[in-house]
Amino acid sequence: MIAENIFYECFVVLRSIRNKTLNEPFTHHMNMEKLTNQEEELMLIIFQQGKGFIKDYIQLMEEPRPPYTTVASIVKNLERKGFVKGKRYGNTSEYSPVMEESEYKSKYMSKVVQNYFENSYKEMVSFFVEKQKISAEELQEIIKLIEKK
């Protein structure tokens, strides 16, 4: 659970940094195109839902929910970029991620650490400590996790 929270905190903080300093999104997969903020947010919902139809993903979005056509367009972009695959059923398609969420997070975090923290996880943790985004308790839990491995 702590790792999930840290990942999400990292995502939010770095997205805000990126929005202030860069005009181009991260590359999440070496051979895949870059994702926009909307695509990233929807990708996290797709991981949460798993297989699903566009209406399923919309139900998991925060209010105000975007129109169906907007979400459909974003999902089509994710499919074109190789992050999801669709299976047609008559007039509709069921979508699913092409990789596990853990693989996605691993690739995402590797790029974040490489691009923002000089390829040093220590620098990343130090950043979150400085910004008070991680508590001493959470650091102790991370240390315990590391020691178990």
Protein backbone atom coordinates (compact mmCIF):
# COMPACT_ATOMS: atom_id res chain seq x y z
CA MET A 1 0.00 0.00 0.00
CA ILE A 2 2.84 2.40 0.82
CA ALA A 3 4.46 1.73 -2.54
CA GLU A 4 1.13 2.57 -4.25
CA ASN A 5 0.89 5.86 -2.32
CA ILE A 6 4.49 6.79 -3.07
CA PHE A 7 3.99 5.99 -6.76
CA TYR A 8 0.87 8.15 -6.88
CA GLU A 9 2.57 11.00 -4.97
CA CYS A 10 5.52 10.77 -7.33
CA PHE A 11 3.18 10.85 -10.32
CA VAL A 12 1.32 13.93 -9.05
CA VAL A 13 4.40 15.89 -7.99
CA LEU A 14 6.38 15.13 -11.11
CA ARG A 15 3.42 15.87 -13.37
CA SER A 16 3.14 19.29 -11.75
CA ILE A 17 6.88 19.84 -12.18
CA ARG A 18 6.69 18.71 -15.78
CA ASN A 19 3.75 20.99 -16.49
CA LYS A 20 5.73 23.94 -15.18
CA THR A 21 9.04 23.12 -16.82
CA LEU A 22 8.49 20.95 -19.87
CA ASN A 23 6.13 20.89 -22.79
CA GLU A 24 6.65 17.26 -23.66
CA PRO A 25 5.31 14.24 -21.75
CA PHE A 26 7.31 11.28 -20.48
CA THR A 27 8.12 8.29 -22.64
CA HIS A 28 6.90 5.27 -20.74
CA HIS A 29 8.08 2.48 -22.92
CA MET A 30 11.26 2.53 -24.97
CA ASN A 31 9.40 1.75 -28.21
CA MET A 32 6.12 3.44 -27.38
CA GLU A 33 4.99 6.98 -27.99
CA LYS A 34 4.67 9.54 -25.25
CA LEU A 35 1.52 9.87 -23.17
CA THR A 36 -0.34 13.09 -22.45
CA ASN A 37 -1.66 13.86 -18.95
CA GLN A 38 -5.16 12.74 -20.00
CA GLU A 39 -3.79 9.50 -21.42
CA GLU A 40 -1.79 8.82 -18.25
CA GLU A 41 -4.82 9.41 -16.03
CA LEU A 42 -6.99 7.14 -18.18
CA MET A 43 -4.27 4.47 -18.28
CA LEU A 44 -4.31 4.33 -14.47
CA ILE A 45 -8.10 3.89 -14.59
CA ILE A 46 -7.74 1.13 -17.18
CA PHE A 47 -5.32 -0.67 -14.87
CA GLN A 48 -7.80 -0.28 -12.01
CA GLN A 49 -10.71 -1.63 -14.08
CA GLY A 50 -8.85 -4.11 -16.26
CA LYS A 51 -10.84 -5.25 -19.26
CA GLY A 52 -13.67 -2.92 -19.93
CA PHE A 53 -15.71 -0.79 -22.23
CA ILE A 54 -15.42 2.98 -22.52
CA LYS A 55 -18.56 3.45 -20.38
CA ASP A 56 -16.89 1.40 -17.60
CA TYR A 57 -13.87 3.70 -17.60
CA ILE A 58 -16.05 6.80 -17.57
CA GLN A 59 -17.83 5.54 -14.43
CA LEU A 60 -14.47 5.45 -12.61
CA MET A 61 -13.58 9.04 -13.53
CA GLU A 62 -14.03 11.97 -11.21
CA GLU A 63 -16.80 14.49 -11.71
CA PRO A 64 -17.25 16.31 -13.97
CA ARG A 65 -16.81 13.32 -16.25
CA PRO A 66 -15.73 14.02 -19.82
CA PRO A 67 -18.06 13.17 -22.71
CA TYR A 68 -18.06 9.62 -24.08
CA THR A 69 -16.52 10.82 -27.36
CA THR A 70 -13.57 12.40 -25.53
CA VAL A 71 -12.80 9.22 -23.59
CA ALA A 72 -13.26 7.14 -26.76
CA SER A 73 -10.74 9.34 -28.54
CA ILE A 74 -8.21 9.01 -25.69
CA VAL A 75 -8.65 5.22 -25.62
CA LYS A 76 -8.11 5.08 -29.40
CA ASN A 77 -4.89 7.07 -28.94
CA LEU A 78 -3.76 4.64 -26.23
CA GLU A 79 -4.51 1.76 -28.59
CA ARG A 80 -2.59 3.42 -31.43
CA LYS A 81 0.35 4.05 -29.10
CA GLY A 82 0.40 0.39 -28.02
CA PHE A 83 -0.76 0.71 -24.40
CA VAL A 84 -4.16 -0.99 -24.79
CA LYS A 85 -5.71 -3.45 -27.21
CA GLY A 86 -9.32 -3.56 -28.31
CA LYS A 87 -11.62 -6.44 -29.21
CA ARG A 88 -14.69 -5.62 -31.30
CA TYR A 89 -18.16 -6.75 -30.29
CA GLY A 90 -20.59 -5.42 -32.88
CA ASN A 91 -20.66 -1.64 -32.55
CA THR A 92 -18.47 -1.49 -29.47
CA SER A 93 -15.02 -2.56 -28.34
CA GLU A 94 -13.70 -4.02 -25.12
CA TYR A 95 -10.27 -2.74 -24.14
CA SER A 96 -7.53 -4.11 -21.94
CA PRO A 97 -3.97 -3.04 -21.07
CA VAL A 98 -1.17 -4.74 -23.02
CA MET A 99 1.12 -4.86 -19.98
CA GLU A 100 0.73 -5.41 -16.26
CA GLU A 101 0.42 -2.34 -14.08
CA SER A 102 3.63 -3.30 -12.25
CA GLU A 103 5.56 -3.34 -15.55
CA TYR A 104 4.10 0.04 -16.48
CA LYS A 105 5.04 1.50 -13.09
CA SER A 106 8.54 0.06 -13.31
CA LYS A 107 9.13 1.61 -16.75
CA TYR A 108 7.54 4.87 -15.63
CA MET A 109 9.61 5.13 -12.47
CA SER A 110 12.81 4.20 -14.31
CA LYS A 111 12.22 7.07 -16.74
CA VAL A 112 11.35 9.47 -13.91
CA VAL A 113 14.49 8.59 -11.97
CA GLN A 114 16.59 8.82 -15.14
CA ASN A 115 15.11 12.13 -16.32
CA TYR A 116 14.72 13.99 -13.03
CA PHE A 117 17.05 12.42 -10.47
CA GLU A 118 20.26 11.71 -12.39
CA ASN A 119 19.42 8.00 -12.42
CA SER A 120 19.62 7.87 -8.60
CA TYR A 121 16.80 6.49 -6.46
CA LYS A 122 18.55 8.03 -3.46
CA GLU A 123 18.15 11.45 -5.07
CA MET A 124 14.46 10.73 -5.66
CA VAL A 125 13.83 9.73 -2.04
CA SER A 126 15.79 12.78 -0.86
CA PHE A 127 13.60 14.98 -3.03
CA PHE A 128 10.42 13.62 -1.45
CA VAL A 129 11.87 13.97 2.04
CA GLU A 130 12.78 17.62 1.32
CA LYS A 131 9.32 18.34 -0.07
CA GLN A 132 7.77 16.59 2.94
CA LYS A 133 5.94 14.17 0.66
CA ILE A 134 7.21 11.18 2.59
CA SER A 135 7.19 10.74 6.35
CA ALA A 136 9.79 9.18 8.64
CA GLU A 137 7.33 6.32 9.24
CA GLU A 138 7.05 5.65 5.52
CA LEU A 139 10.83 5.74 5.17
CA GLN A 140 11.15 3.18 7.95
CA GLU A 141 8.65 0.93 6.19
CA ILE A 142 10.61 1.27 2.93
CA ILE A 143 13.83 0.37 4.77
CA LYS A 144 12.13 -2.71 6.22
CA LEU A 145 10.97 -3.74 2.73
CA ILE A 146 14.51 -3.36 1.41
CA GLU A 147 15.98 -5.36 4.29
CA LYS A 148 13.55 -8.21 3.63
CA LYS A 149 14.84 -8.62 0.08
